[in-house]
Amino acid sequence: QVQLVESGGGLVQSGGSLRLSCAVSGLAFNRCTMRWYRRTPGKEREFVAAITGSGISTSYAASVKGRFTITRDNAKSTVYLQMSNLKLEDTAVYYCRADVDGREYWGQGTQVTVSS
């Protein structure tokens, strides 16, 4: 059974930091390209960051580049999103996604709320 479980969300003040985690089971994690997305009410789900299976290549949305860092630990089958200098507009539900063998799998999401 495939499971992606996000954690680490919460309430943080503007300018603060949070680290999200996504633990994956039931997949060959080191072959998965992992992505983080986010969604705010009334908006489409937005791409945030991606990392290849080896961890060598990463990409970011322009809105988070320089503030967010995606990493992974293949030994723990976990992907992380370190978020720094958080802004009010980063408030959203954050989801991780695993892409492997032409299929995609989603986690249930974790809420991040940035307050002024």
C-alpha atoms as a PDB file:
ATOM      1  CA  GLN A   1       0.000   0.000   0.000  1.00  0.00           C
ATOM      2  CA  VAL A   2       1.388   3.360  -1.046  1.00  0.00           C
ATOM      3  CA  GLN A   3       1.395   6.074   1.581  1.00  0.00           C
ATOM      4  CA  LEU A   4       2.717   9.611   1.580  1.00  0.00           C
ATOM      5  CA  VAL A   5       2.441  11.298   4.958  1.00  0.00           C
ATOM      6  CA  GLU A   6       3.263  14.975   5.332  1.00  0.00           C
ATOM      7  CA  SER A   7       4.115  16.572   8.644  1.00  0.00           C
ATOM      8  CA  GLY A   8       5.679  19.708  10.043  1.00  0.00           C
ATOM      9  CA  GLY A   9       3.025  22.237   9.183  1.00  0.00           C
ATOM     10  CA  GLY A  10       1.769  24.783  11.657  1.00  0.00           C
ATOM     11  CA  LEU A  11       1.445  28.434  12.540  1.00  0.00           C
ATOM     12  CA  VAL A  12       4.480  30.668  12.126  1.00  0.00           C
ATOM     13  CA  GLN A  13       5.067  34.396  12.094  1.00  0.00           C
ATOM     14  CA  SER A  14       6.054  36.221   8.968  1.00  0.00           C
ATOM     15  CA  GLY A  15       9.815  35.927   8.472  1.00  0.00           C
ATOM     16  CA  GLY A  16       9.963  32.643  10.325  1.00  0.00           C
ATOM     17  CA  SER A  17      10.868  29.145   9.204  1.00  0.00           C
ATOM     18  CA  LEU A  18       9.314  25.698   9.033  1.00  0.00           C
ATOM     19  CA  ARG A  19      10.464  22.342   7.754  1.00  0.00           C
ATOM     20  CA  LEU A  20       7.960  20.034   6.154  1.00  0.00           C
ATOM     21  CA  SER A  21       8.531  16.311   5.840  1.00  0.00           C
ATOM     22  CA  CYS A  22       6.901  13.723   3.621  1.00  0.00           C
ATOM     23  CA  ALA A  23       7.483  10.093   4.517  1.00  0.00           C
ATOM     24  CA  VAL A  24       6.862   7.643   1.700  1.00  0.00           C
ATOM     25  CA  SER A  25       6.146   3.929   1.919  1.00  0.00           C
ATOM     26  CA  GLY A  26       5.147   1.302  -0.616  1.00  0.00           C
ATOM     27  CA  LEU A  27       7.244   2.769  -3.442  1.00  0.00           C
ATOM     28  CA  ALA A  28      10.817   2.457  -4.692  1.00  0.00           C
ATOM     29  CA  PHE A  29      11.572   5.834  -3.198  1.00  0.00           C
ATOM     30  CA  ASN A  30      14.966   6.331  -4.824  1.00  0.00           C
ATOM     31  CA  ARG A  31      13.284   6.107  -8.258  1.00  0.00           C
ATOM     32  CA  CYS A  32      10.644   8.681  -7.402  1.00  0.00           C
ATOM     33  CA  THR A  33      10.815  12.265  -8.488  1.00  0.00           C
ATOM     34  CA  MET A  34       9.346  14.097  -5.526  1.00  0.00           C
ATOM     35  CA  ARG A  35       7.428  17.350  -5.704  1.00  0.00           C
ATOM     36  CA  TRP A  36       5.828  19.761  -3.305  1.00  0.00           C
ATOM     37  CA  TYR A  37       2.671  21.617  -4.234  1.00  0.00           C
ATOM     38  CA  ARG A  38       0.458  23.985  -2.309  1.00  0.00           C
ATOM     39  CA  ARG A  39      -3.132  25.157  -2.510  1.00  0.00           C
ATOM     40  CA  THR A  40      -4.959  28.096  -1.085  1.00  0.00           C
ATOM     41  CA  PRO A  41      -8.755  28.349  -1.038  1.00  0.00           C
ATOM     42  CA  GLY A  42     -10.161  29.383  -4.381  1.00  0.00           C
ATOM     43  CA  LYS A  43      -6.921  28.783  -6.246  1.00  0.00           C
ATOM     44  CA  GLU A  44      -5.463  25.980  -8.302  1.00  0.00           C
ATOM     45  CA  ARG A  45      -2.845  23.771  -6.760  1.00  0.00           C
ATOM     46  CA  GLU A  46       0.537  25.435  -7.336  1.00  0.00           C
ATOM     47  CA  PHE A  47       3.893  23.794  -7.958  1.00  0.00           C
ATOM     48  CA  VAL A  48       6.474  24.666  -5.302  1.00  0.00           C
ATOM     49  CA  ALA A  49       9.573  22.510  -5.721  1.00  0.00           C
ATOM     50  CA  ALA A  50      10.865  19.246  -7.165  1.00  0.00           C
ATOM     51  CA  ILE A  51      13.813  16.929  -6.679  1.00  0.00           C
ATOM     52  CA  THR A  52      14.964  13.977  -8.747  1.00  0.00           C
ATOM     53  CA  GLY A  53      15.469  10.495  -7.357  1.00  0.00           C
ATOM     54  CA  SER A  54      19.192  10.953  -6.908  1.00  0.00           C
ATOM     55  CA  GLY A  55      18.708  14.343  -5.322  1.00  0.00           C
ATOM     56  CA  ILE A  56      21.123  15.904  -7.781  1.00  0.00           C
ATOM     57  CA  SER A  57      18.623  18.060  -9.606  1.00  0.00           C
ATOM     58  CA  THR A  58      16.114  20.446  -8.045  1.00  0.00           C
ATOM     59  CA  SER A  59      13.719  23.074  -9.339  1.00  0.00           C
ATOM     60  CA  TYR A  60      11.603  25.759  -7.704  1.00  0.00           C
ATOM     61  CA  ALA A  61       8.727  28.063  -8.400  1.00  0.00           C
ATOM     62  CA  ALA A  62       9.866  31.637  -8.851  1.00  0.00           C
ATOM     63  CA  SER A  63       7.809  32.694  -5.840  1.00  0.00           C
ATOM     64  CA  VAL A  64       9.835  30.525  -3.439  1.00  0.00           C
ATOM     65  CA  LYS A  65      13.268  30.397  -5.046  1.00  0.00           C
ATOM     66  CA  GLY A  66      15.938  31.505  -2.620  1.00  0.00           C
ATOM     67  CA  ARG A  67      13.661  30.970   0.384  1.00  0.00           C
ATOM     68  CA  PHE A  68      12.683  27.287   0.147  1.00  0.00           C
ATOM     69  CA  THR A  69      14.971  24.281  -0.172  1.00  0.00           C
ATOM     70  CA  ILE A  70      13.907  20.776  -1.146  1.00  0.00           C
ATOM     71  CA  THR A  71      16.038  17.839  -0.032  1.00  0.00           C
ATOM     72  CA  ARG A  72      15.608  14.117   0.380  1.00  0.00           C
ATOM     73  CA  ASP A  73      16.974  11.256   2.413  1.00  0.00           C
ATOM     74  CA  ASN A  74      16.631   8.078   0.404  1.00  0.00           C
ATOM     75  CA  ALA A  75      17.671   5.953   3.374  1.00  0.00           C
ATOM     76  CA  LYS A  76      14.611   7.257   5.220  1.00  0.00           C
ATOM     77  CA  SER A  77      12.315   7.470   2.179  1.00  0.00           C
ATOM     78  CA  THR A  78      11.582  11.037   3.148  1.00  0.00           C
ATOM     79  CA  VAL A  79      11.553  14.335   1.305  1.00  0.00           C
ATOM     80  CA  TYR A  80      11.808  17.671   3.059  1.00  0.00           C
ATOM     81  CA  LEU A  81      10.892  21.249   2.331  1.00  0.00           C
ATOM     82  CA  GLN A  82      12.817  23.790   4.358  1.00  0.00           C
ATOM     83  CA  MET A  83      10.921  27.064   4.249  1.00  0.00           C
ATOM     84  CA  SER A  84      12.577  30.262   5.382  1.00  0.00           C
ATOM     85  CA  ASN A  85      11.633  33.929   5.395  1.00  0.00           C
ATOM     86  CA  LEU A  86       8.006  32.911   5.214  1.00  0.00           C
ATOM     87  CA  LYS A  87       5.492  35.406   3.883  1.00  0.00           C
ATOM     88  CA  LEU A  88       1.767  35.767   4.402  1.00  0.00           C
ATOM     89  CA  GLU A  89       1.208  34.543   0.858  1.00  0.00           C
ATOM     90  CA  ASP A  90       2.906  31.233   1.687  1.00  0.00           C
ATOM     91  CA  THR A  91      -0.143  30.297   3.740  1.00  0.00           C
ATOM     92  CA  ALA A  92      -1.566  27.157   2.129  1.00  0.00           C
ATOM     93  CA  VAL A  93      -2.041  23.435   2.426  1.00  0.00           C
ATOM     94  CA  TYR A  94       1.181  21.811   1.277  1.00  0.00           C
ATOM     95  CA  TYR A  95       1.138  18.463  -0.496  1.00  0.00           C
ATOM     96  CA  CYS A  96       3.894  16.128  -1.540  1.00  0.00           C
ATOM     97  CA  ARG A  97       3.698  14.079  -4.713  1.00  0.00           C
ATOM     98  CA  ALA A  98       5.682  11.058  -5.846  1.00  0.00           C
ATOM     99  CA  ASP A  99       6.115  10.374  -9.562  1.00  0.00           C
ATOM    100  CA  VAL A 100       7.352   6.952 -10.605  1.00  0.00           C
ATOM    101  CA  ASP A 101       6.713   4.594 -13.535  1.00  0.00           C
ATOM    102  CA  GLY A 102       4.269   7.006 -15.125  1.00  0.00           C
ATOM    103  CA  ARG A 103       2.073   7.296 -12.071  1.00  0.00           C
ATOM    104  CA  GLU A 104       1.675   9.940  -9.432  1.00  0.00           C
ATOM    105  CA  TYR A 105       0.793   9.587  -5.782  1.00  0.00           C
ATOM    106  CA  TRP A 106      -0.294  12.325  -3.394  1.00  0.00           C
ATOM    107  CA  GLY A 107      -0.186  12.871   0.319  1.00  0.00           C
ATOM    108  CA  GLN A 108      -3.065  14.234   2.348  1.00  0.00           C
ATOM    109  CA  GLY A 109      -1.500  17.655   2.903  1.00  0.00           C
ATOM    110  CA  THR A 110      -0.321  19.702   5.855  1.00  0.00           C
ATOM    111  CA  GLN A 111      -1.500  23.203   6.696  1.00  0.00           C
ATOM    112  CA  VAL A 112       0.993  26.067   6.878  1.00  0.00           C
ATOM    113  CA  THR A 113      -0.302  29.360   8.205  1.00  0.00           C
ATOM    114  CA  VAL A 114       1.865  32.468   8.232  1.00  0.00           C
ATOM    115  CA  SER A 115       0.712  35.308  10.480  1.00  0.00           C
ATOM    116  CA  SER A 116       1.765  38.940  10.570  1.00  0.00           C
END
